[in-house]
Amino acid sequence: MLGCLVCANYGTRRDLHLLVGPVEHDADAVEPPPAGGSIVIVLGTDAPLSERQLRRVAARATFGLGRAGGFGTNASGEYALAFSTAHRIAHREDTDHLDLRLLRDDSNAVRELFEATVEVVHEAVLNSLCAAEPAEGRDGNRIEALPYGLLEGAPGLRPHG
């Protein structure tokens, strides 16, 4: 199992061309300056992985972010971390060492986990873009939510249903 949670605060409507081709823009719409933003990606798995392997899983998150149209602007910050729930380690233990079973780096399971990481991050980023509701800000500025229909035809996106 592999799950992903994304907190995205980056991009502008003009960046949507990375997903779906030309997008019509409202000439009167106020957009924030292209200063960047940030995204935090948290990956959780029940696979028995070492801290080094978890670091490698987290590194694959950038491939999913790229697939979803992220490109890391100058002032942006992309953070990804991964954790595993495979082992429960007691706070106090009578032994001096732990015996843990971990997946081998060259196993098919690790390869499949890397591939799944790209897929779940991609899907989570796209979902985060469309999960927001319309908002009204200072001075009456209003921004509409992005409809899922805008993402139809996005490379690698599976239809919801």
N, C-alpha and C. Protein backbone atom coordinates (compact mmCIF):
# COMPACT_ATOMS: atom_id res chain seq x y z
N MET A 1 0.84 -1.19 0.00
CA MET A 1 0.00 0.00 0.00
C MET A 1 0.88 1.24 0.00
N LEU A 2 0.39 2.25 -0.69
CA LEU A 2 1.10 3.52 -0.74
C LEU A 2 0.06 4.62 -0.83
N GLY A 3 0.16 5.59 0.04
CA GLY A 3 -0.76 6.72 0.02
C GLY A 3 0.01 8.02 -0.09
N CYS A 4 -0.69 9.06 -0.55
CA CYS A 4 -0.04 10.35 -0.75
C CYS A 4 -0.97 11.47 -0.31
N LEU A 5 -0.41 12.43 0.40
CA LEU A 5 -1.11 13.64 0.79
C LEU A 5 -0.30 14.81 0.26
N VAL A 6 -0.98 15.74 -0.38
CA VAL A 6 -0.31 16.89 -0.99
C VAL A 6 -0.92 18.18 -0.47
N CYS A 7 -0.08 19.11 -0.10
CA CYS A 7 -0.50 20.47 0.22
C CYS A 7 0.18 21.37 -0.80
N ALA A 8 -0.60 21.81 -1.79
CA ALA A 8 -0.04 22.57 -2.91
C ALA A 8 -0.41 24.04 -2.79
N ASN A 9 0.59 24.89 -2.91
CA ASN A 9 0.40 26.33 -2.90
C ASN A 9 1.35 26.90 -3.95
N TYR A 10 1.07 26.55 -5.19
CA TYR A 10 1.97 27.00 -6.24
C TYR A 10 1.22 27.07 -7.56
N GLY A 11 1.84 27.67 -8.55
CA GLY A 11 1.29 27.71 -9.90
C GLY A 11 0.25 28.79 -10.08
N THR A 12 -0.03 29.07 -11.34
CA THR A 12 -1.05 30.03 -11.72
C THR A 12 -1.85 29.43 -12.87
N ARG A 13 -2.96 30.04 -13.19
CA ARG A 13 -3.79 29.53 -14.29
C ARG A 13 -3.00 29.49 -15.59
N ARG A 14 -2.10 30.41 -15.78
CA ARG A 14 -1.34 30.41 -17.04
C ARG A 14 -0.44 29.18 -17.15
N ASP A 15 -0.16 28.51 -16.01
CA ASP A 15 0.66 27.31 -16.05
C ASP A 15 -0.12 26.07 -16.48
N LEU A 16 -1.45 26.19 -16.60
CA LEU A 16 -2.25 25.02 -16.95
C LEU A 16 -1.94 24.48 -18.34
N HIS A 17 -1.33 25.27 -19.21
CA HIS A 17 -0.97 24.78 -20.53
C HIS A 17 -0.06 23.56 -20.43
N LEU A 18 0.63 23.42 -19.31
CA LEU A 18 1.49 22.26 -19.11
C LEU A 18 0.68 20.98 -19.02
N LEU A 19 -0.59 21.10 -18.67
CA LEU A 19 -1.46 19.93 -18.53
C LEU A 19 -2.34 19.69 -19.75
N VAL A 20 -2.98 20.74 -20.25
CA VAL A 20 -4.05 20.53 -21.22
C VAL A 20 -3.93 21.35 -22.49
N GLY A 21 -2.85 22.01 -22.73
CA GLY A 21 -2.74 22.83 -23.93
C GLY A 21 -3.23 24.24 -23.66
N PRO A 22 -3.55 24.99 -24.71
CA PRO A 22 -3.95 26.39 -24.54
C PRO A 22 -5.17 26.53 -23.62
N VAL A 23 -5.11 27.51 -22.72
CA VAL A 23 -6.20 27.79 -21.79
C VAL A 23 -6.58 29.25 -21.97
N GLU A 24 -7.89 29.49 -22.09
CA GLU A 24 -8.34 30.87 -22.21
C GLU A 24 -8.14 31.60 -20.88
N HIS A 25 -7.73 32.85 -20.97
CA HIS A 25 -7.50 33.65 -19.76
C HIS A 25 -8.46 34.83 -19.74
N ASP A 26 -8.93 35.16 -18.58
CA ASP A 26 -9.75 36.34 -18.39
C ASP A 26 -8.80 37.53 -18.34
N ALA A 27 -8.95 38.46 -19.29
CA ALA A 27 -8.02 39.59 -19.37
C ALA A 27 -8.07 40.46 -18.13
N ASP A 28 -9.21 40.48 -17.45
CA ASP A 28 -9.34 41.32 -16.27
C ASP A 28 -8.94 40.60 -14.98
N ALA A 29 -8.66 39.31 -15.08
CA ALA A 29 -8.33 38.53 -13.88
C ALA A 29 -6.99 38.99 -13.31
N VAL A 30 -6.96 39.10 -12.01
CA VAL A 30 -5.72 39.47 -11.33
C VAL A 30 -5.02 38.19 -10.91
N GLU A 31 -3.80 38.03 -11.36
CA GLU A 31 -3.01 36.86 -10.98
C GLU A 31 -1.85 37.30 -10.13
N PRO A 32 -1.47 36.47 -9.19
CA PRO A 32 -0.30 36.81 -8.38
C PRO A 32 0.95 36.84 -9.25
N PRO A 33 1.95 37.61 -8.86
CA PRO A 33 3.19 37.62 -9.63
C PRO A 33 3.81 36.23 -9.64
N PRO A 34 4.56 35.90 -10.69
CA PRO A 34 5.14 34.56 -10.80
C PRO A 34 6.31 34.36 -9.85
N ALA A 35 6.04 34.38 -8.55
CA ALA A 35 7.10 34.29 -7.56
C ALA A 35 7.37 32.85 -7.11
N GLY A 36 6.55 31.93 -7.53
CA GLY A 36 6.76 30.55 -7.10
C GLY A 36 5.68 30.12 -6.15
N GLY A 37 6.04 29.44 -5.13
CA GLY A 37 5.11 28.88 -4.17
C GLY A 37 5.77 27.66 -3.55
N SER A 38 4.94 26.77 -3.08
CA SER A 38 5.53 25.58 -2.48
C SER A 38 4.56 24.42 -2.57
N ILE A 39 5.08 23.24 -2.40
CA ILE A 39 4.26 22.04 -2.33
C ILE A 39 4.93 21.09 -1.34
N VAL A 40 4.10 20.51 -0.49
CA VAL A 40 4.59 19.51 0.46
C VAL A 40 3.91 18.19 0.09
N ILE A 41 4.71 17.16 -0.08
CA ILE A 41 4.22 15.85 -0.47
C ILE A 41 4.60 14.86 0.63
N VAL A 42 3.61 14.18 1.17
CA VAL A 42 3.85 13.18 2.21
C VAL A 42 3.40 11.83 1.68
N LEU A 43 4.33 10.88 1.69
CA LEU A 43 4.06 9.52 1.22
C LEU A 43 4.12 8.56 2.39
N GLY A 44 3.11 7.71 2.52
CA GLY A 44 3.09 6.71 3.57
C GLY A 44 2.91 5.33 2.96
N THR A 45 3.65 4.36 3.46
CA THR A 45 3.57 3.00 2.95
C THR A 45 3.66 2.00 4.10
N ASP A 46 3.17 0.81 3.83
CA ASP A 46 3.33 -0.26 4.81
C ASP A 46 4.45 -1.22 4.37
N ALA A 47 5.16 -0.85 3.31
CA ALA A 47 6.28 -1.66 2.84
C ALA A 47 7.45 -1.55 3.82
N PRO A 48 8.13 -2.65 4.09
CA PRO A 48 9.27 -2.61 5.03
C PRO A 48 10.51 -2.02 4.35
N LEU A 49 10.73 -0.74 4.56
CA LEU A 49 11.82 -0.02 3.90
C LEU A 49 12.76 0.59 4.94
N SER A 50 14.02 0.68 4.57
CA SER A 50 15.00 1.37 5.41
C SER A 50 14.87 2.87 5.22
N GLU A 51 15.54 3.64 6.06
CA GLU A 51 15.48 5.09 5.91
C GLU A 51 16.07 5.54 4.57
N ARG A 52 17.06 4.84 4.08
CA ARG A 52 17.65 5.17 2.77
C ARG A 52 16.65 4.90 1.66
N GLN A 53 15.96 3.78 1.75
CA GLN A 53 14.96 3.45 0.73
C GLN A 53 13.80 4.45 0.77
N LEU A 54 13.41 4.87 1.96
CA LEU A 54 12.35 5.87 2.07
C LEU A 54 12.78 7.20 1.45
N ARG A 55 14.03 7.55 1.61
CA ARG A 55 14.57 8.76 0.97
C ARG A 55 14.49 8.63 -0.55
N ARG A 56 14.75 7.43 -1.06
CA ARG A 56 14.67 7.19 -2.51
C ARG A 56 13.23 7.25 -3.00
N VAL A 57 12.29 6.76 -2.21
CA VAL A 57 10.87 6.87 -2.57
C VAL A 57 10.49 8.35 -2.63
N ALA A 58 10.85 9.11 -1.61
CA ALA A 58 10.52 10.54 -1.57
C ALA A 58 11.11 11.27 -2.78
N ALA A 59 12.29 10.87 -3.21
CA ALA A 59 12.92 11.52 -4.37
C ALA A 59 12.11 11.29 -5.64
N ARG A 60 11.40 10.17 -5.73
CA ARG A 60 10.58 9.87 -6.92
C ARG A 60 9.35 10.76 -6.99
N ALA A 61 9.00 11.41 -5.89
CA ALA A 61 7.83 12.29 -5.88
C ALA A 61 7.98 13.41 -6.91
N THR A 62 9.19 13.87 -7.16
CA THR A 62 9.39 14.95 -8.11
C THR A 62 9.00 14.53 -9.53
N PHE A 63 9.11 13.24 -9.85
CA PHE A 63 8.69 12.78 -11.17
C PHE A 63 7.18 12.91 -11.32
N GLY A 64 6.44 12.57 -10.26
CA GLY A 64 4.99 12.74 -10.30
C GLY A 64 4.59 14.20 -10.37
N LEU A 65 5.31 15.04 -9.64
CA LEU A 65 5.06 16.47 -9.68
C LEU A 65 5.31 17.02 -11.09
N GLY A 66 6.38 16.57 -11.71
CA GLY A 66 6.67 16.99 -13.08
C GLY A 66 5.62 16.52 -14.06
N ARG A 67 5.14 15.30 -13.88
CA ARG A 67 4.10 14.76 -14.75
C ARG A 67 2.82 15.59 -14.63
N ALA A 68 2.59 16.17 -13.45
CA ALA A 68 1.40 16.98 -13.20
C ALA A 68 1.62 18.44 -13.61
N GLY A 69 2.74 18.77 -14.21
CA GLY A 69 2.96 20.12 -14.72
C GLY A 69 3.83 21.00 -13.85
N GLY A 70 4.28 20.51 -12.70
CA GLY A 70 5.16 21.30 -11.86
C GLY A 70 6.55 21.38 -12.47
N PHE A 71 7.18 22.55 -12.37
CA PHE A 71 8.52 22.66 -12.94
C PHE A 71 9.51 23.36 -12.03
N GLY A 72 9.11 23.67 -10.80
CA GLY A 72 10.06 24.23 -9.83
C GLY A 72 10.54 25.61 -10.22
N THR A 73 9.69 26.61 -10.04
CA THR A 73 10.11 27.97 -10.38
C THR A 73 11.22 28.43 -9.44
N ASN A 74 11.75 29.59 -9.73
CA ASN A 74 12.90 30.10 -8.99
C ASN A 74 12.68 30.15 -7.48
N ALA A 75 11.55 30.68 -7.05
CA ALA A 75 11.33 30.87 -5.61
C ALA A 75 10.49 29.76 -4.98
N SER A 76 10.29 28.67 -5.71
CA SER A 76 9.43 27.61 -5.18
C SER A 76 10.20 26.68 -4.24
N GLY A 77 9.44 25.98 -3.44
CA GLY A 77 10.03 24.97 -2.56
C GLY A 77 9.22 23.69 -2.68
N GLU A 78 9.85 22.62 -3.13
CA GLU A 78 9.19 21.34 -3.24
C GLU A 78 9.77 20.42 -2.18
N TYR A 79 8.90 19.98 -1.29
CA TYR A 79 9.34 19.13 -0.19
C TYR A 79 8.59 17.81 -0.25
N ALA A 80 9.31 16.72 -0.14
CA ALA A 80 8.68 15.40 -0.12
C ALA A 80 9.32 14.58 0.99
N LEU A 81 8.49 13.88 1.71
CA LEU A 81 9.00 12.97 2.73
C LEU A 81 8.18 11.69 2.69
N ALA A 82 8.79 10.62 3.14
CA ALA A 82 8.13 9.31 3.13
C ALA A 82 8.36 8.62 4.46
N PHE A 83 7.36 7.84 4.85
CA PHE A 83 7.48 7.06 6.08
C PHE A 83 6.86 5.69 5.86
N SER A 84 7.23 4.77 6.71
CA SER A 84 6.72 3.41 6.66
C SER A 84 6.12 3.04 8.01
N THR A 85 5.02 2.31 7.94
CA THR A 85 4.37 1.79 9.15
C THR A 85 4.65 0.30 9.33
N ALA A 86 5.61 -0.23 8.58
CA ALA A 86 5.85 -1.68 8.56
C ALA A 86 6.35 -2.21 9.90
N HIS A 87 7.14 -1.45 10.60
CA HIS A 87 7.72 -1.92 11.86
C HIS A 87 7.27 -1.05 13.02
N ARG A 88 6.88 -1.71 14.06
CA ARG A 88 6.58 -1.00 15.31
C ARG A 88 7.73 -1.30 16.26
N ILE A 89 8.41 -0.27 16.66
CA ILE A 89 9.59 -0.42 17.52
C ILE A 89 9.23 0.07 18.91
N ALA A 90 9.40 -0.80 19.86
CA ALA A 90 9.05 -0.46 21.24
C ALA A 90 9.94 0.66 21.77
N HIS A 91 9.37 1.48 22.60
CA HIS A 91 10.14 2.58 23.20
C HIS A 91 11.27 2.04 24.09
N ARG A 92 10.95 1.03 24.84
CA ARG A 92 11.97 0.38 25.68
C ARG A 92 12.06 -1.07 25.27
N GLU A 93 13.27 -1.53 25.13
CA GLU A 93 13.51 -2.91 24.69
C GLU A 93 14.63 -3.50 25.52
N ASP A 94 14.53 -4.79 25.79
CA ASP A 94 15.56 -5.46 26.61
C ASP A 94 16.78 -5.86 25.80
N THR A 95 16.65 -5.95 24.49
CA THR A 95 17.78 -6.39 23.67
C THR A 95 18.60 -5.20 23.20
N ASP A 96 19.83 -5.49 22.79
CA ASP A 96 20.72 -4.43 22.31
C ASP A 96 20.61 -4.16 20.82
N HIS A 97 19.87 -5.01 20.10
CA HIS A 97 19.75 -4.81 18.66
C HIS A 97 18.34 -5.19 18.20
N LEU A 98 18.02 -4.75 17.00
CA LEU A 98 16.72 -5.05 16.38
C LEU A 98 16.94 -5.94 15.18
N ASP A 99 16.04 -6.87 14.97
CA ASP A 99 16.06 -7.69 13.77
C ASP A 99 14.89 -7.24 12.89
N LEU A 100 15.21 -6.54 11.82
CA LEU A 100 14.19 -6.04 10.90
C LEU A 100 14.35 -6.71 9.54
N ARG A 101 13.24 -6.99 8.92
CA ARG A 101 13.25 -7.50 7.55
C ARG A 101 12.91 -6.34 6.63
N LEU A 102 13.75 -6.13 5.62
CA LEU A 102 13.55 -5.04 4.67
C LEU A 102 13.51 -5.58 3.25
N LEU A 103 12.86 -4.86 2.36
CA LEU A 103 12.86 -5.23 0.96
C LEU A 103 14.26 -5.00 0.38
N ARG A 104 14.65 -5.85 -0.53
CA ARG A 104 15.92 -5.66 -1.21
C ARG A 104 15.78 -4.54 -2.24
N ASP A 105 16.85 -3.76 -2.40
CA ASP A 105 16.83 -2.66 -3.36
C ASP A 105 16.53 -3.12 -4.79
N ASP A 106 17.00 -4.29 -5.16
CA ASP A 106 16.83 -4.77 -6.53
C ASP A 106 15.58 -5.64 -6.69
N SER A 107 14.68 -5.60 -5.74
CA SER A 107 13.46 -6.42 -5.83
C SER A 107 12.43 -5.75 -6.73
N ASN A 108 11.55 -6.57 -7.29
CA ASN A 108 10.45 -6.04 -8.09
C ASN A 108 9.54 -5.17 -7.25
N ALA A 109 9.39 -5.51 -5.98
CA ALA A 109 8.52 -4.73 -5.10
C ALA A 109 9.01 -3.29 -4.97
N VAL A 110 10.31 -3.08 -4.87
CA VAL A 110 10.84 -1.71 -4.77
C VAL A 110 10.64 -0.98 -6.08
N ARG A 111 10.87 -1.65 -7.19
CA ARG A 111 10.64 -1.03 -8.50
C ARG A 111 9.18 -0.61 -8.65
N GLU A 112 8.26 -1.49 -8.27
CA GLU A 112 6.83 -1.19 -8.35
C GLU A 112 6.45 -0.05 -7.40
N LEU A 113 7.10 0.02 -6.27
CA LEU A 113 6.85 1.11 -5.33
C LEU A 113 7.30 2.44 -5.91
N PHE A 114 8.43 2.46 -6.59
CA PHE A 114 8.90 3.69 -7.25
C PHE A 114 7.89 4.13 -8.31
N GLU A 115 7.42 3.18 -9.12
CA GLU A 115 6.45 3.50 -10.17
C GLU A 115 5.15 4.01 -9.54
N ALA A 116 4.68 3.35 -8.50
CA ALA A 116 3.45 3.75 -7.83
C ALA A 116 3.60 5.15 -7.22
N THR A 117 4.78 5.48 -6.74
CA THR A 117 5.02 6.80 -6.17
C THR A 117 4.74 7.88 -7.20
N VAL A 118 5.26 7.70 -8.40
CA VAL A 118 5.04 8.69 -9.47
C VAL A 118 3.54 8.83 -9.75
N GLU A 119 2.84 7.70 -9.82
CA GLU A 119 1.42 7.73 -10.13
C GLU A 119 0.58 8.39 -9.03
N VAL A 120 0.85 8.04 -7.76
CA VAL A 120 0.02 8.61 -6.68
C VAL A 120 0.31 10.09 -6.48
N VAL A 121 1.55 10.52 -6.67
CA VAL A 121 1.86 11.95 -6.53
C VAL A 121 1.19 12.73 -7.66
N HIS A 122 1.29 12.22 -8.88
CA HIS A 122 0.64 12.87 -10.02
C HIS A 122 -0.85 13.05 -9.75
N GLU A 123 -1.52 11.99 -9.36
CA GLU A 123 -2.96 12.05 -9.10
C GLU A 123 -3.28 12.98 -7.92
N ALA A 124 -2.48 12.92 -6.87
CA ALA A 124 -2.73 13.76 -5.69
C ALA A 124 -2.55 15.24 -6.03
N VAL A 125 -1.57 15.57 -6.85
CA VAL A 125 -1.36 16.97 -7.23
C VAL A 125 -2.55 17.47 -8.04
N LEU A 126 -2.98 16.68 -9.03
CA LEU A 126 -4.13 17.10 -9.84
C LEU A 126 -5.38 17.22 -8.99
N ASN A 127 -5.60 16.27 -8.08
CA ASN A 127 -6.75 16.37 -7.19
C ASN A 127 -6.68 17.61 -6.32
N SER A 128 -5.47 17.94 -5.84
CA SER A 128 -5.34 19.12 -4.99
C SER A 128 -5.65 20.40 -5.76
N LEU A 129 -5.36 20.43 -7.04
CA LEU A 129 -5.66 21.60 -7.85
C LEU A 129 -7.16 21.82 -7.99
N CYS A 130 -7.92 20.73 -7.99
CA CYS A 130 -9.36 20.82 -8.21
C CYS A 130 -10.18 20.73 -6.94
N ALA A 131 -9.55 20.48 -5.81
CA ALA A 131 -10.29 20.31 -4.55
C ALA A 131 -10.67 21.65 -3.92
N ALA A 132 -9.99 22.70 -4.30
CA ALA A 132 -10.26 24.00 -3.69
C ALA A 132 -11.63 24.52 -4.11
N GLU A 133 -12.18 25.37 -3.29
CA GLU A 133 -13.45 26.02 -3.59
C GLU A 133 -13.18 27.46 -4.00
N PRO A 134 -14.14 28.08 -4.67
CA PRO A 134 -13.94 29.49 -5.01
C PRO A 134 -13.66 30.31 -3.76
N ALA A 135 -12.84 31.35 -3.91
CA ALA A 135 -12.49 32.16 -2.74
C ALA A 135 -12.50 33.63 -3.10
N GLU A 136 -12.87 34.44 -2.11
CA GLU A 136 -12.83 35.88 -2.29
C GLU A 136 -11.81 36.45 -1.33
N GLY A 137 -10.95 37.29 -1.84
CA GLY A 137 -9.88 37.85 -1.03
C GLY A 137 -10.03 39.34 -0.84
N ARG A 138 -8.94 39.94 -0.49
CA ARG A 138 -8.89 41.37 -0.21
C ARG A 138 -9.31 42.18 -1.43
N ASP A 139 -9.94 43.30 -1.19
CA ASP A 139 -10.35 44.24 -2.22
C ASP A 139 -11.31 43.61 -3.24
N GLY A 140 -12.06 42.59 -2.81
CA GLY A 140 -13.05 41.96 -3.69
C GLY A 140 -12.46 41.04 -4.75
N ASN A 141 -11.17 40.74 -4.66
CA ASN A 141 -10.58 39.82 -5.62
C ASN A 141 -11.18 38.44 -5.43
N ARG A 142 -11.60 37.83 -6.51
CA ARG A 142 -12.22 36.50 -6.45
C ARG A 142 -11.49 35.57 -7.40
N ILE A 143 -11.31 34.36 -6.95
CA ILE A 143 -10.69 33.33 -7.79
C ILE A 143 -11.63 32.13 -7.80
N GLU A 144 -11.89 31.64 -8.98
CA GLU A 144 -12.78 30.48 -9.13
C GLU A 144 -11.98 29.19 -8.96
N ALA A 145 -12.67 28.17 -8.54
CA ALA A 145 -12.05 26.85 -8.40
C ALA A 145 -11.78 26.28 -9.80
N LEU A 146 -10.84 25.36 -9.87
CA LEU A 146 -10.56 24.69 -11.14
C LEU A 146 -11.44 23.45 -11.24
N PRO A 147 -12.25 23.35 -12.28
CA PRO A 147 -13.10 22.18 -12.42
C PRO A 147 -12.31 20.97 -12.92
N TYR A 148 -12.72 19.78 -12.49
CA TYR A 148 -12.06 18.56 -12.95
C TYR A 148 -12.07 18.45 -14.47
N GLY A 149 -13.13 18.98 -15.10
CA GLY A 149 -13.23 18.91 -16.56
C GLY A 149 -12.06 19.58 -17.26
N LEU A 150 -11.45 20.55 -16.60
CA LEU A 150 -10.30 21.24 -17.18
C LEU A 150 -9.12 20.29 -17.37
N LEU A 151 -9.09 19.23 -16.57
CA LEU A 151 -7.98 18.29 -16.62
C LEU A 151 -8.23 17.12 -17.57
N GLU A 152 -9.42 17.07 -18.20
CA GLU A 152 -9.70 15.97 -19.13
C GLU A 152 -8.65 15.96 -20.22
N GLY A 153 -8.11 14.82 -20.47
CA GLY A 153 -7.08 14.68 -21.48
C GLY A 153 -5.68 14.93 -20.96
N ALA A 154 -5.55 15.26 -19.68
CA ALA A 154 -4.21 15.44 -19.11
C ALA A 154 -3.47 14.12 -19.19
N PRO A 155 -2.22 14.12 -19.61
CA PRO A 155 -1.46 12.88 -19.77
C PRO A 155 -1.45 12.05 -18.49
N GLY A 156 -1.85 10.79 -18.62
CA GLY A 156 -1.77 9.86 -17.50
C GLY A 156 -2.89 9.96 -16.50
N LEU A 157 -3.83 10.88 -16.70
CA LEU A 157 -4.91 11.05 -15.73
C LEU A 157 -6.00 10.05 -16.01
N ARG A 158 -6.40 9.31 -14.99
CA ARG A 158 -7.51 8.37 -15.10
C ARG A 158 -8.79 9.11 -14.79
N PRO A 159 -9.85 8.85 -15.55
CA PRO A 159 -11.11 9.53 -15.27
C PRO A 159 -11.68 9.13 -13.92
N HIS A 160 -12.30 10.09 -13.24
CA HIS A 160 -12.94 9.81 -11.94
C HIS A 160 -14.30 9.24 -12.22
N GLY A 161 -14.79 8.42 -11.29
CA GLY A 161 -16.13 7.88 -11.51
C GLY A 161 -16.51 6.89 -10.50
